[in-house]
């Protein structure tokens, strides 16, 4: 008999997963496909209209849930927003970020925790 395991995530785990996905999307230029949506050599070029066949791959839109989280992060105060960007987009550990800011590591961790609470 096969057993099924039910995985229950806490709110903290869900927001952590969502923030990691948001950070990955920001690092990868939203979709991660690697193709530009604007040609830097020809300023007049733009992606084809919807329904038209593109001459090159066009970046698909960001996943709706990641976009919504990004909008909610944009509403945070600058201090919390910048902390999340440095931690989740740039991948800077709290210890290194604290050294750069000249503050305690616990301060950086408290900012991340406060931002997560506001986003839950």
PDB file of N, CA and C in Angstrom:
ATOM      1  N   UNK A   1       0.847  -1.157   0.000  1.00  0.00           N
ATOM      2  CA  UNK A   1       0.000   0.000   0.000  1.00  0.00           C
ATOM      3  C   UNK A   1       0.909   1.241   0.000  1.00  0.00           C
ATOM      4  N   UNK A   2       0.615   2.162  -0.886  1.00  0.00           N
ATOM      5  CA  UNK A   2       1.409   3.391  -0.979  1.00  0.00           C
ATOM      6  C   UNK A   2       0.889   4.410   0.030  1.00  0.00           C
ATOM      7  N   UNK A   3       1.812   5.078   0.646  1.00  0.00           N
ATOM      8  CA  UNK A   3       1.410   6.114   1.590  1.00  0.00           C
ATOM      9  C   UNK A   3       1.669   7.474   0.954  1.00  0.00           C
ATOM     10  N   UNK A   4       0.787   8.386   1.241  1.00  0.00           N
ATOM     11  CA  UNK A   4       0.971   9.748   0.746  1.00  0.00           C
ATOM     12  C   UNK A   4       1.349  10.632   1.917  1.00  0.00           C
ATOM     13  N   UNK A   5       2.332  11.443   1.682  1.00  0.00           N
ATOM     14  CA  UNK A   5       2.804  12.343   2.727  1.00  0.00           C
ATOM     15  C   UNK A   5       2.274  13.742   2.454  1.00  0.00           C
ATOM     16  N   UNK A   6       1.626  14.311   3.412  1.00  0.00           N
ATOM     17  CA  UNK A   6       1.087  15.652   3.273  1.00  0.00           C
ATOM     18  C   UNK A   6       2.110  16.634   3.834  1.00  0.00           C
ATOM     19  N   UNK A   7       2.497  17.589   2.989  1.00  0.00           N
ATOM     20  CA  UNK A   7       3.463  18.593   3.423  1.00  0.00           C
ATOM     21  C   UNK A   7       2.691  19.855   3.781  1.00  0.00           C
ATOM     22  N   UNK A   8       2.827  20.263   5.020  1.00  0.00           N
ATOM     23  CA  UNK A   8       2.154  21.466   5.490  1.00  0.00           C
ATOM     24  C   UNK A   8       3.217  22.525   5.736  1.00  0.00           C
ATOM     25  N   UNK A   9       3.061  23.652   5.044  1.00  0.00           N
ATOM     26  CA  UNK A   9       4.010  24.744   5.217  1.00  0.00           C
ATOM     27  C   UNK A   9       3.423  25.782   6.164  1.00  0.00           C
ATOM     28  N   UNK A  10       4.284  26.302   7.003  1.00  0.00           N
ATOM     29  CA  UNK A  10       3.857  27.400   7.861  1.00  0.00           C
ATOM     30  C   UNK A  10       3.869  28.684   7.037  1.00  0.00           C
ATOM     31  N   UNK A  11       3.282  29.731   7.577  1.00  0.00           N
ATOM     32  CA  UNK A  11       3.280  31.030   6.895  1.00  0.00           C
ATOM     33  C   UNK A  11       4.701  31.523   6.676  1.00  0.00           C
ATOM     34  N   UNK A  12       5.578  31.277   7.654  1.00  0.00           N
ATOM     35  CA  UNK A  12       6.974  31.691   7.532  1.00  0.00           C
ATOM     36  C   UNK A  12       7.664  30.963   6.386  1.00  0.00           C
ATOM     37  N   UNK A  13       7.384  29.666   6.254  1.00  0.00           N
ATOM     38  CA  UNK A  13       7.980  28.888   5.168  1.00  0.00           C
ATOM     39  C   UNK A  13       7.459  29.341   3.808  1.00  0.00           C
ATOM     40  N   UNK A  14       6.161  29.636   3.740  1.00  0.00           N
ATOM     41  CA  UNK A  14       5.570  30.091   2.475  1.00  0.00           C
ATOM     42  C   UNK A  14       6.166  31.421   2.034  1.00  0.00           C
ATOM     43  N   UNK A  15       6.343  32.360   2.949  1.00  0.00           N
ATOM     44  CA  UNK A  15       6.894  33.659   2.571  1.00  0.00           C
ATOM     45  C   UNK A  15       8.360  33.526   2.201  1.00  0.00           C
ATOM     46  N   UNK A  16       9.084  32.625   2.853  1.00  0.00           N
ATOM     47  CA  UNK A  16      10.490  32.388   2.508  1.00  0.00           C
ATOM     48  C   UNK A  16      10.609  31.846   1.082  1.00  0.00           C
ATOM     49  N   UNK A  17       9.770  30.883   0.746  1.00  0.00           N
ATOM     50  CA  UNK A  17       9.769  30.320  -0.609  1.00  0.00           C
ATOM     51  C   UNK A  17       9.405  31.400  -1.621  1.00  0.00           C
ATOM     52  N   UNK A  18       8.400  32.205  -1.298  1.00  0.00           N
ATOM     53  CA  UNK A  18       7.974  33.271  -2.207  1.00  0.00           C
ATOM     54  C   UNK A  18       9.074  34.316  -2.396  1.00  0.00           C
ATOM     55  N   UNK A  19       9.769  34.685  -1.324  1.00  0.00           N
ATOM     56  CA  UNK A  19      10.849  35.665  -1.431  1.00  0.00           C
ATOM     57  C   UNK A  19      12.017  35.115  -2.247  1.00  0.00           C
ATOM     58  N   UNK A  20      12.305  33.834  -2.101  1.00  0.00           N
ATOM     59  CA  UNK A  20      13.374  33.225  -2.903  1.00  0.00           C
ATOM     60  C   UNK A  20      12.997  33.232  -4.390  1.00  0.00           C
ATOM     61  N   UNK A  21      11.727  32.944  -4.690  1.00  0.00           N
ATOM     62  CA  UNK A  21      11.257  32.976  -6.086  1.00  0.00           C
ATOM     63  C   UNK A  21      11.315  34.389  -6.641  1.00  0.00           C
ATOM     64  N   UNK A  22      10.928  35.374  -5.828  1.00  0.00           N
ATOM     65  CA  UNK A  22      10.993  36.771  -6.244  1.00  0.00           C
ATOM     66  C   UNK A  22      12.440  37.173  -6.519  1.00  0.00           C
ATOM     67  N   UNK A  23      13.349  36.805  -5.625  1.00  0.00           N
ATOM     68  CA  UNK A  23      14.761  37.125  -5.808  1.00  0.00           C
ATOM     69  C   UNK A  23      15.320  36.503  -7.075  1.00  0.00           C
ATOM     70  N   UNK A  24      14.967  35.245  -7.337  1.00  0.00           N
ATOM     71  CA  UNK A  24      15.426  34.567  -8.552  1.00  0.00           C
ATOM     72  C   UNK A  24      14.883  35.252  -9.797  1.00  0.00           C
ATOM     73  N   UNK A  25      13.619  35.662  -9.749  1.00  0.00           N
ATOM     74  CA  UNK A  25      13.025  36.352 -10.895  1.00  0.00           C
ATOM     75  C   UNK A  25      13.711  37.694 -11.135  1.00  0.00           C
ATOM     76  N   UNK A  26      14.053  38.392 -10.069  1.00  0.00           N
ATOM     77  CA  UNK A  26      14.736  39.682 -10.219  1.00  0.00           C
ATOM     78  C   UNK A  26      16.147  39.495 -10.775  1.00  0.00           C
ATOM     79  N   UNK A  27      16.840  38.464 -10.332  1.00  0.00           N
ATOM     80  CA  UNK A  27      18.199  38.193 -10.826  1.00  0.00           C
ATOM     81  C   UNK A  27      18.189  37.806 -12.292  1.00  0.00           C
ATOM     82  N   UNK A  28      17.160  37.086 -12.712  1.00  0.00           N
ATOM     83  CA  UNK A  28      17.112  36.544 -14.069  1.00  0.00           C
ATOM     84  C   UNK A  28      16.429  37.479 -15.054  1.00  0.00           C
ATOM     85  N   UNK A  29      16.152  38.695 -14.657  1.00  0.00           N
ATOM     86  CA  UNK A  29      15.472  39.586 -15.583  1.00  0.00           C
ATOM     87  C   UNK A  29      14.019  39.222 -15.747  1.00  0.00           C
ATOM     88  N   UNK A  30      13.418  38.815 -14.677  1.00  0.00           N
ATOM     89  CA  UNK A  30      12.003  38.498 -14.545  1.00  0.00           C
ATOM     90  C   UNK A  30      11.662  37.074 -14.977  1.00  0.00           C
ATOM     91  N   UNK A  31      12.005  36.645 -16.187  1.00  0.00           N
ATOM     92  CA  UNK A  31      11.560  35.325 -16.619  1.00  0.00           C
ATOM     93  C   UNK A  31      12.655  34.287 -16.585  1.00  0.00           C
ATOM     94  N   UNK A  32      13.883  34.693 -16.692  1.00  0.00           N
ATOM     95  CA  UNK A  32      14.979  33.758 -16.701  1.00  0.00           C
ATOM     96  C   UNK A  32      15.227  33.109 -18.043  1.00  0.00           C
ATOM     97  N   UNK A  33      14.539  33.556 -19.099  1.00  0.00           N
ATOM     98  CA  UNK A  33      14.702  32.912 -20.398  1.00  0.00           C
ATOM     99  C   UNK A  33      16.010  33.318 -21.068  1.00  0.00           C
ATOM    100  N   UNK A  34      16.572  34.451 -20.709  1.00  0.00           N
ATOM    101  CA  UNK A  34      17.865  34.845 -21.243  1.00  0.00           C
ATOM    102  C   UNK A  34      17.825  35.607 -22.546  1.00  0.00           C
ATOM    103  N   UNK A  35      16.666  35.786 -23.145  1.00  0.00           N
ATOM    104  CA  UNK A  35      16.575  36.533 -24.394  1.00  0.00           C
ATOM    105  C   UNK A  35      16.129  37.962 -24.123  1.00  0.00           C
ATOM    106  N   UNK A  36      16.698  38.942 -24.815  1.00  0.00           N
ATOM    107  CA  UNK A  36      16.301  40.329 -24.599  1.00  0.00           C
ATOM    108  C   UNK A  36      14.941  40.625 -25.219  1.00  0.00           C
ATOM    109  N   UNK A  37      14.260  41.598 -24.689  1.00  0.00           N
ATOM    110  CA  UNK A  37      13.000  42.034 -25.290  1.00  0.00           C
ATOM    111  C   UNK A  37      13.203  43.341 -26.038  1.00  0.00           C
ATOM    112  N   UNK A  38      14.422  43.883 -25.998  1.00  0.00           N
ATOM    113  CA  UNK A  38      14.774  45.096 -26.730  1.00  0.00           C
ATOM    114  C   UNK A  38      16.142  44.873 -27.352  1.00  0.00           C
ATOM    115  N   UNK A  39      16.300  45.233 -28.602  1.00  0.00           N
ATOM    116  CA  UNK A  39      17.580  45.088 -29.280  1.00  0.00           C
ATOM    117  C   UNK A  39      18.393  46.352 -29.038  1.00  0.00           C
ATOM    118  N   UNK A  40      19.527  46.240 -28.394  1.00  0.00           N
ATOM    119  CA  UNK A  40      20.330  47.415 -28.061  1.00  0.00           C
ATOM    120  C   UNK A  40      21.076  47.968 -29.267  1.00  0.00           C
ATOM    121  N   UNK A  41      21.201  47.199 -30.334  1.00  0.00           N
ATOM    122  CA  UNK A  41      21.888  47.676 -31.536  1.00  0.00           C
ATOM    123  C   UNK A  41      20.978  48.498 -32.441  1.00  0.00           C
ATOM    124  N   UNK A  42      19.681  48.231 -32.392  1.00  0.00           N
ATOM    125  CA  UNK A  42      18.713  48.948 -33.223  1.00  0.00           C
ATOM    126  C   UNK A  42      17.606  49.485 -32.330  1.00  0.00           C
ATOM    127  N   UNK A  43      17.691  50.755 -31.992  1.00  0.00           N
ATOM    128  CA  UNK A  43      16.724  51.330 -31.043  1.00  0.00           C
ATOM    129  C   UNK A  43      15.295  51.301 -31.559  1.00  0.00           C
ATOM    130  N   UNK A  44      15.122  51.232 -32.877  1.00  0.00           N
ATOM    131  CA  UNK A  44      13.774  51.234 -33.432  1.00  0.00           C
ATOM    132  C   UNK A  44      13.081  49.874 -33.301  1.00  0.00           C
ATOM    133  N   UNK A  45      13.866  48.806 -32.997  1.00  0.00           N
ATOM    134  CA  UNK A  45      13.269  47.485 -32.882  1.00  0.00           C
ATOM    135  C   UNK A  45      12.510  47.368 -31.578  1.00  0.00           C
ATOM    136  N   UNK A  46      11.367  46.746 -31.626  1.00  0.00           N
ATOM    137  CA  UNK A  46      10.610  46.435 -30.419  1.00  0.00           C
ATOM    138  C   UNK A  46       9.942  45.084 -30.624  1.00  0.00           C
ATOM    139  N   UNK A  47       9.522  44.446 -29.554  1.00  0.00           N
ATOM    140  CA  UNK A  47       8.870  43.133 -29.700  1.00  0.00           C
ATOM    141  C   UNK A  47       7.623  43.261 -30.571  1.00  0.00           C
ATOM    142  N   UNK A  48       7.256  42.184 -31.276  1.00  0.00           N
ATOM    143  CA  UNK A  48       6.069  42.226 -32.135  1.00  0.00           C
ATOM    144  C   UNK A  48       4.795  42.367 -31.317  1.00  0.00           C
ATOM    145  N   UNK A  49       3.768  42.840 -31.991  1.00  0.00           N
ATOM    146  CA  UNK A  49       2.465  42.992 -31.343  1.00  0.00           C
ATOM    147  C   UNK A  49       1.935  41.621 -30.944  1.00  0.00           C
ATOM    148  N   UNK A  50       1.037  41.630 -29.986  1.00  0.00           N
ATOM    149  CA  UNK A  50       0.456  40.378 -29.507  1.00  0.00           C
ATOM    150  C   UNK A  50      -0.240  39.667 -30.664  1.00  0.00           C
ATOM    151  N   UNK A  51       0.015  38.369 -30.778  1.00  0.00           N
ATOM    152  CA  UNK A  51      -0.578  37.589 -31.854  1.00  0.00           C
ATOM    153  C   UNK A  51       0.328  37.453 -33.061  1.00  0.00           C
ATOM    154  N   UNK A  52       1.360  38.276 -33.141  1.00  0.00           N
ATOM    155  CA  UNK A  52       2.317  38.213 -34.244  1.00  0.00           C
ATOM    156  C   UNK A  52       3.428  37.235 -33.880  1.00  0.00           C
ATOM    157  N   UNK A  53       4.025  36.612 -34.878  1.00  0.00           N
ATOM    158  CA  UNK A  53       5.125  35.683 -34.629  1.00  0.00           C
ATOM    159  C   UNK A  53       6.419  36.486 -34.463  1.00  0.00           C
ATOM    160  N   UNK A  54       7.105  36.332 -33.329  1.00  0.00           N
ATOM    161  CA  UNK A  54       8.327  37.102 -33.112  1.00  0.00           C
ATOM    162  C   UNK A  54       9.494  36.572 -33.944  1.00  0.00           C
ATOM    163  N   UNK A  55      10.398  37.481 -34.276  1.00  0.00           N
ATOM    164  CA  UNK A  55      11.599  37.099 -35.002  1.00  0.00           C
ATOM    165  C   UNK A  55      12.639  36.540 -34.048  1.00  0.00           C
ATOM    166  N   UNK A  56      12.504  36.860 -32.799  1.00  0.00           N
ATOM    167  CA  UNK A  56      13.372  36.323 -31.761  1.00  0.00           C
ATOM    168  C   UNK A  56      12.507  36.095 -30.529  1.00  0.00           C
ATOM    169  N   UNK A  57      12.976  35.279 -29.621  1.00  0.00           N
ATOM    170  CA  UNK A  57      12.192  34.969 -28.436  1.00  0.00           C
ATOM    171  C   UNK A  57      11.966  36.228 -27.600  1.00  0.00           C
ATOM    172  N   UNK A  58      10.738  36.437 -27.182  1.00  0.00           N
ATOM    173  CA  UNK A  58      10.379  37.595 -26.369  1.00  0.00           C
ATOM    174  C   UNK A  58      10.162  37.120 -24.937  1.00  0.00           C
ATOM    175  N   UNK A  59      10.641  37.882 -23.975  1.00  0.00           N
ATOM    176  CA  UNK A  59      10.524  37.515 -22.576  1.00  0.00           C
ATOM    177  C   UNK A  59       9.052  37.432 -22.165  1.00  0.00           C
ATOM    178  N   UNK A  60       8.618  36.288 -21.639  1.00  0.00           N
ATOM    179  CA  UNK A  60       7.238  36.183 -21.172  1.00  0.00           C
ATOM    180  C   UNK A  60       7.051  36.985 -19.891  1.00  0.00           C
ATOM    181  N   UNK A  61       5.815  37.324 -19.563  1.00  0.00           N
ATOM    182  CA  UNK A  61       5.586  38.098 -18.340  1.00  0.00           C
ATOM    183  C   UNK A  61       5.953  37.302 -17.092  1.00  0.00           C
ATOM    184  N   UNK A  62       6.236  38.024 -16.022  1.00  0.00           N
ATOM    185  CA  UNK A  62       6.567  37.402 -14.743  1.00  0.00           C
ATOM    186  C   UNK A  62       5.331  36.683 -14.210  1.00  0.00           C
ATOM    187  N   UNK A  63       5.545  35.606 -13.501  1.00  0.00           N
ATOM    188  CA  UNK A  63       4.443  34.879 -12.882  1.00  0.00           C
ATOM    189  C   UNK A  63       3.639  35.839 -12.010  1.00  0.00           C
ATOM    190  N   UNK A  64       2.339  35.684 -12.039  1.00  0.00           N
ATOM    191  CA  UNK A  64       1.450  36.625 -11.342  1.00  0.00           C
ATOM    192  C   UNK A  64       1.733  36.702  -9.844  1.00  0.00           C
ATOM    193  N   UNK A  65       1.985  35.558  -9.207  1.00  0.00           N
ATOM    194  CA  UNK A  65       2.215  35.585  -7.762  1.00  0.00           C
ATOM    195  C   UNK A  65       3.522  36.296  -7.422  1.00  0.00           C
ATOM    196  N   UNK A  66       4.544  36.131  -8.255  1.00  0.00           N
ATOM    197  CA  UNK A  66       5.818  36.809  -8.024  1.00  0.00           C
ATOM    198  C   UNK A  66       5.643  38.313  -8.259  1.00  0.00           C
ATOM    199  N   UNK A  67       4.872  38.669  -9.277  1.00  0.00           N
ATOM    200  CA  UNK A  67       4.612  40.087  -9.563  1.00  0.00           C
ATOM    201  C   UNK A  67       3.850  40.739  -8.411  1.00  0.00           C
ATOM    202  N   UNK A  68       2.874  40.021  -7.863  1.00  0.00           N
ATOM    203  CA  UNK A  68       2.110  40.569  -6.722  1.00  0.00           C
ATOM    204  C   UNK A  68       3.012  40.771  -5.514  1.00  0.00           C
ATOM    205  N   UNK A  69       3.891  39.801  -5.255  1.00  0.00           N
ATOM    206  CA  UNK A  69       4.820  39.945  -4.138  1.00  0.00           C
ATOM    207  C   UNK A  69       5.745  41.132  -4.375  1.00  0.00           C
ATOM    208  N   UNK A  70       6.219  41.294  -5.612  1.00  0.00           N
ATOM    209  CA  UNK A  70       7.070  42.429  -5.949  1.00  0.00           C
ATOM    210  C   UNK A  70       6.369  43.760  -5.693  1.00  0.00           C
ATOM    211  N   UNK A  71       5.080  43.826  -6.007  1.00  0.00           N
ATOM    212  CA  UNK A  71       4.304  45.044  -5.753  1.00  0.00           C
ATOM    213  C   UNK A  71       4.171  45.304  -4.256  1.00  0.00           C
ATOM    214  N   UNK A  72       3.977  44.232  -3.487  1.00  0.00           N
ATOM    215  CA  UNK A  72       3.871  44.389  -2.028  1.00  0.00           C
ATOM    216  C   UNK A  72       5.210  44.804  -1.426  1.00  0.00           C
ATOM    217  N   UNK A  73       6.301  44.267  -1.953  1.00  0.00           N
ATOM    218  CA  UNK A  73       7.633  44.655  -1.474  1.00  0.00           C
ATOM    219  C   UNK A  73       7.890  46.124  -1.782  1.00  0.00           C
ATOM    220  N   UNK A  74       7.437  46.577  -2.943  1.00  0.00           N
ATOM    221  CA  UNK A  74       7.624  47.982  -3.327  1.00  0.00           C
ATOM    222  C   UNK A  74       6.914  48.936  -2.374  1.00  0.00           C
ATOM    223  N   UNK A  75       5.899  48.451  -1.667  1.00  0.00           N
ATOM    224  CA  UNK A  75       5.162  49.282  -0.719  1.00  0.00           C
ATOM    225  C   UNK A  75       5.849  49.368   0.645  1.00  0.00           C
ATOM    226  N   UNK A  76       6.826  48.505   0.900  1.00  0.00           N
ATOM    227  CA  UNK A  76       7.545  48.549   2.174  1.00  0.00           C
ATOM    228  C   UNK A  76       8.392  49.813   2.253  1.00  0.00           C
ATOM    229  N   UNK A  77       8.763  50.181   3.465  1.00  0.00           N
ATOM    230  CA  UNK A  77       9.648  51.339   3.621  1.00  0.00           C
ATOM    231  C   UNK A  77      10.998  51.009   2.979  1.00  0.00           C
ATOM    232  N   UNK A  78      11.732  52.036   2.611  1.00  0.00           N
ATOM    233  CA  UNK A  78      12.995  51.874   1.894  1.00  0.00           C
ATOM    234  C   UNK A  78      13.983  50.983   2.643  1.00  0.00           C
ATOM    235  N   UNK A  79      14.068  51.132   3.941  1.00  0.00           N
ATOM    236  CA  UNK A  79      15.004  50.355   4.765  1.00  0.00           C
ATOM    237  C   UNK A  79      14.727  48.856   4.645  1.00  0.00           C
ATOM    238  N   UNK A  80      13.461  48.460   4.762  1.00  0.00           N
ATOM    239  CA  UNK A  80      13.105  47.042   4.674  1.00  0.00           C
ATOM    240  C   UNK A  80      13.220  46.529   3.240  1.00  0.00           C
ATOM    241  N   UNK A  81      12.767  47.343   2.287  1.00  0.00           N
ATOM    242  CA  UNK A  81      12.827  46.948   0.880  1.00  0.00           C
ATOM    243  C   UNK A  81      14.274  46.702   0.445  1.00  0.00           C
ATOM    244  N   UNK A  82      15.168  47.634   0.787  1.00  0.00           N
ATOM    245  CA  UNK A  82      16.573  47.474   0.415  1.00  0.00           C
ATOM    246  C   UNK A  82      17.208  46.259   1.076  1.00  0.00           C
ATOM    247  N   UNK A  83      16.822  45.983   2.312  1.00  0.00           N
ATOM    248  CA  UNK A  83      17.345  44.800   2.997  1.00  0.00           C
ATOM    249  C   UNK A  83      16.939  43.534   2.256  1.00  0.00           C
ATOM    250  N   UNK A  84      15.672  43.448   1.834  1.00  0.00           N
ATOM    251  CA  UNK A  84      15.216  42.276   1.095  1.00  0.00           C
ATOM    252  C   UNK A  84      15.936  42.140  -0.243  1.00  0.00           C
ATOM    253  N   UNK A  85      16.166  43.251  -0.924  1.00  0.00           N
ATOM    254  CA  UNK A  85      16.868  43.207  -2.210  1.00  0.00           C
ATOM    255  C   UNK A  85      18.282  42.674  -2.026  1.00  0.00           C
ATOM    256  N   UNK A  86      18.980  43.175  -1.027  1.00  0.00           N
ATOM    257  CA  UNK A  86      20.359  42.739  -0.806  1.00  0.00           C
ATOM    258  C   UNK A  86      20.405  41.257  -0.418  1.00  0.00           C
ATOM    259  N   UNK A  87      19.477  40.823   0.426  1.00  0.00           N
ATOM    260  CA  UNK A  87      19.481  39.430   0.891  1.00  0.00           C
ATOM    261  C   UNK A  87      19.001  38.472  -0.191  1.00  0.00           C
ATOM    262  N   UNK A  88      17.846  38.751  -0.830  1.00  0.00           N
ATOM    263  CA  UNK A  88      17.236  37.785  -1.743  1.00  0.00           C
ATOM    264  C   UNK A  88      17.631  37.960  -3.205  1.00  0.00           C
ATOM    265  N   UNK A  89      17.925  39.168  -3.646  1.00  0.00           N
ATOM    266  CA  UNK A  89      18.312  39.368  -5.044  1.00  0.00           C
ATOM    267  C   UNK A  89      19.825  39.238  -5.201  1.00  0.00           C
ATOM    268  N   UNK A  90      20.572  39.929  -4.349  1.00  0.00           N
ATOM    269  CA  UNK A  90      22.030  39.905  -4.459  1.00  0.00           C
ATOM    270  C   UNK A  90      22.663  38.754  -3.691  1.00  0.00           C
ATOM    271  N   UNK A  91      21.920  38.124  -2.792  1.00  0.00           N
ATOM    272  CA  UNK A  91      22.417  36.953  -2.071  1.00  0.00           C
ATOM    273  C   UNK A  91      23.518  37.247  -1.067  1.00  0.00           C
ATOM    274  N   UNK A  92      23.530  38.460  -0.530  1.00  0.00           N
ATOM    275  CA  UNK A  92      24.554  38.831   0.452  1.00  0.00           C
ATOM    276  C   UNK A  92      24.139  38.309   1.821  1.00  0.00           C
ATOM    277  N   UNK A  93      24.981  37.518   2.481  1.00  0.00           N
ATOM    278  CA  UNK A  93      24.650  37.004   3.811  1.00  0.00           C
ATOM    279  C   UNK A  93      24.484  38.144   4.822  1.00  0.00           C
ATOM    280  N   UNK A  94      23.701  37.899   5.843  1.00  0.00           N
ATOM    281  CA  UNK A  94      23.430  38.920   6.855  1.00  0.00           C
ATOM    282  C   UNK A  94      24.708  39.430   7.512  1.00  0.00           C
ATOM    283  N   UNK A  95      25.671  38.545   7.719  1.00  0.00           N
ATOM    284  CA  UNK A  95      26.938  38.946   8.358  1.00  0.00           C
ATOM    285  C   UNK A  95      27.657  39.987   7.497  1.00  0.00           C
ATOM    286  N   UNK A  96      27.739  39.710   6.206  1.00  0.00           N
ATOM    287  CA  UNK A  96      28.426  40.631   5.295  1.00  0.00           C
ATOM    288  C   UNK A  96      27.668  41.948   5.150  1.00  0.00           C
ATOM    289  N   UNK A  97      26.342  41.855   5.070  1.00  0.00           N
ATOM    290  CA  UNK A  97      25.529  43.064   4.957  1.00  0.00           C
ATOM    291  C   UNK A  97      25.684  43.931   6.206  1.00  0.00           C
ATOM    292  N   UNK A  98      25.712  43.307   7.362  1.00  0.00           N
ATOM    293  CA  UNK A  98      25.895  44.050   8.615  1.00  0.00           C
ATOM    294  C   UNK A  98      27.256  44.745   8.634  1.00  0.00           C
ATOM    295  N   UNK A  99      28.281  44.058   8.163  1.00  0.00           N
ATOM    296  CA  UNK A  99      29.618  44.660   8.120  1.00  0.00           C
ATOM    297  C   UNK A  99      29.633  45.865   7.192  1.00  0.00           C
ATOM    298  N   UNK A 100      28.962  45.766   6.063  1.00  0.00           N
ATOM    299  CA  UNK A 100      28.891  46.882   5.105  1.00  0.00           C
ATOM    300  C   UNK A 100      28.152  48.078   5.700  1.00  0.00           C
ATOM    301  N   UNK A 101      27.105  47.778   6.466  1.00  0.00           N
ATOM    302  CA  UNK A 101      26.294  48.846   7.056  1.00  0.00           C
ATOM    303  C   UNK A 101      26.873  49.379   8.357  1.00  0.00           C
ATOM    304  N   UNK A 102      27.792  48.622   8.945  1.00  0.00           N
ATOM    305  CA  UNK A 102      28.353  49.029  10.227  1.00  0.00           C
ATOM    306  C   UNK A 102      27.372  48.839  11.368  1.00  0.00           C
ATOM    307  N   UNK A 103      26.593  47.765  11.287  1.00  0.00           N
ATOM    308  CA  UNK A 103      25.624  47.485  12.353  1.00  0.00           C
ATOM    309  C   UNK A 103      25.757  46.025  12.762  1.00  0.00           C
ATOM    310  N   UNK A 104      24.977  45.627  13.733  1.00  0.00           N
ATOM    311  CA  UNK A 104      25.003  44.245  14.212  1.00  0.00           C
ATOM    312  C   UNK A 104      24.262  43.334  13.236  1.00  0.00           C
ATOM    313  N   UNK A 105      24.694  42.090  13.168  1.00  0.00           N
ATOM    314  CA  UNK A 105      24.022  41.100  12.320  1.00  0.00           C
ATOM    315  C   UNK A 105      22.558  40.949  12.734  1.00  0.00           C
ATOM    316  N   UNK A 106      22.301  41.059  14.022  1.00  0.00           N
ATOM    317  CA  UNK A 106      20.926  40.935  14.518  1.00  0.00           C
ATOM    318  C   UNK A 106      20.024  42.033  13.962  1.00  0.00           C
ATOM    319  N   UNK A 107      20.589  43.189  13.646  1.00  0.00           N
ATOM    320  CA  UNK A 107      19.809  44.283  13.056  1.00  0.00           C
ATOM    321  C   UNK A 107      19.323  43.890  11.668  1.00  0.00           C
ATOM    322  N   UNK A 108      20.206  43.320  10.872  1.00  0.00           N
ATOM    323  CA  UNK A 108      19.830  42.888   9.524  1.00  0.00           C
ATOM    324  C   UNK A 108      18.781  41.794   9.605  1.00  0.00           C
ATOM    325  N   UNK A 109      18.993  40.830  10.480  1.00  0.00           N
ATOM    326  CA  UNK A 109      18.029  39.734  10.629  1.00  0.00           C
ATOM    327  C   UNK A 109      16.671  40.261  11.117  1.00  0.00           C
ATOM    328  N   UNK A 110      16.680  41.243  11.995  1.00  0.00           N
ATOM    329  CA  UNK A 110      15.438  41.838  12.487  1.00  0.00           C
ATOM    330  C   UNK A 110      14.690  42.548  11.357  1.00  0.00           C
ATOM    331  N   UNK A 111      15.429  43.193  10.468  1.00  0.00           N
ATOM    332  CA  UNK A 111      14.788  43.867   9.330  1.00  0.00           C
ATOM    333  C   UNK A 111      14.136  42.855   8.395  1.00  0.00           C
ATOM    334  N   UNK A 112      14.830  41.764   8.138  1.00  0.00           N
ATOM    335  CA  UNK A 112      14.257  40.716   7.286  1.00  0.00           C
ATOM    336  C   UNK A 112      13.015  40.144   7.948  1.00  0.00           C
ATOM    337  N   UNK A 113      13.096  39.874   9.227  1.00  0.00           N
ATOM    338  CA  UNK A 113      11.944  39.322   9.977  1.00  0.00           C
ATOM    339  C   UNK A 113      10.763  40.303   9.950  1.00  0.00           C
ATOM    340  N   UNK A 114      11.045  41.587  10.157  1.00  0.00           N
ATOM    341  CA  UNK A 114       9.972  42.598  10.136  1.00  0.00           C
ATOM    342  C   UNK A 114       9.325  42.673   8.760  1.00  0.00           C
ATOM    343  N   UNK A 115      10.145  42.639   7.709  1.00  0.00           N
ATOM    344  CA  UNK A 115       9.601  42.685   6.348  1.00  0.00           C
ATOM    345  C   UNK A 115       8.724  41.463   6.081  1.00  0.00           C
ATOM    346  N   UNK A 116       9.184  40.291   6.509  1.00  0.00           N
ATOM    347  CA  UNK A 116       8.396  39.072   6.309  1.00  0.00           C
ATOM    348  C   UNK A 116       7.057  39.150   7.024  1.00  0.00           C
ATOM    349  N   UNK A 117       7.069  39.682   8.254  1.00  0.00           N
ATOM    350  CA  UNK A 117       5.812  39.825   9.002  1.00  0.00           C
ATOM    351  C   UNK A 117       4.833  40.743   8.285  1.00  0.00           C
ATOM    352  N   UNK A 118       5.349  41.809   7.717  1.00  0.00           N
ATOM    353  CA  UNK A 118       4.497  42.750   6.991  1.00  0.00           C
ATOM    354  C   UNK A 118       3.967  42.157   5.692  1.00  0.00           C
ATOM    355  N   UNK A 119       4.707  41.232   5.099  1.00  0.00           N
ATOM    356  CA  UNK A 119       4.289  40.614   3.835  1.00  0.00           C
ATOM    357  C   UNK A 119       3.358  39.427   4.021  1.00  0.00           C
ATOM    358  N   UNK A 120       3.267  38.873   5.236  1.00  0.00           N
ATOM    359  CA  UNK A 120       2.411  37.708   5.483  1.00  0.00           C
ATOM    360  C   UNK A 120       0.958  38.090   5.467  1.00  0.00           C
TER     361      UNK A 120
END
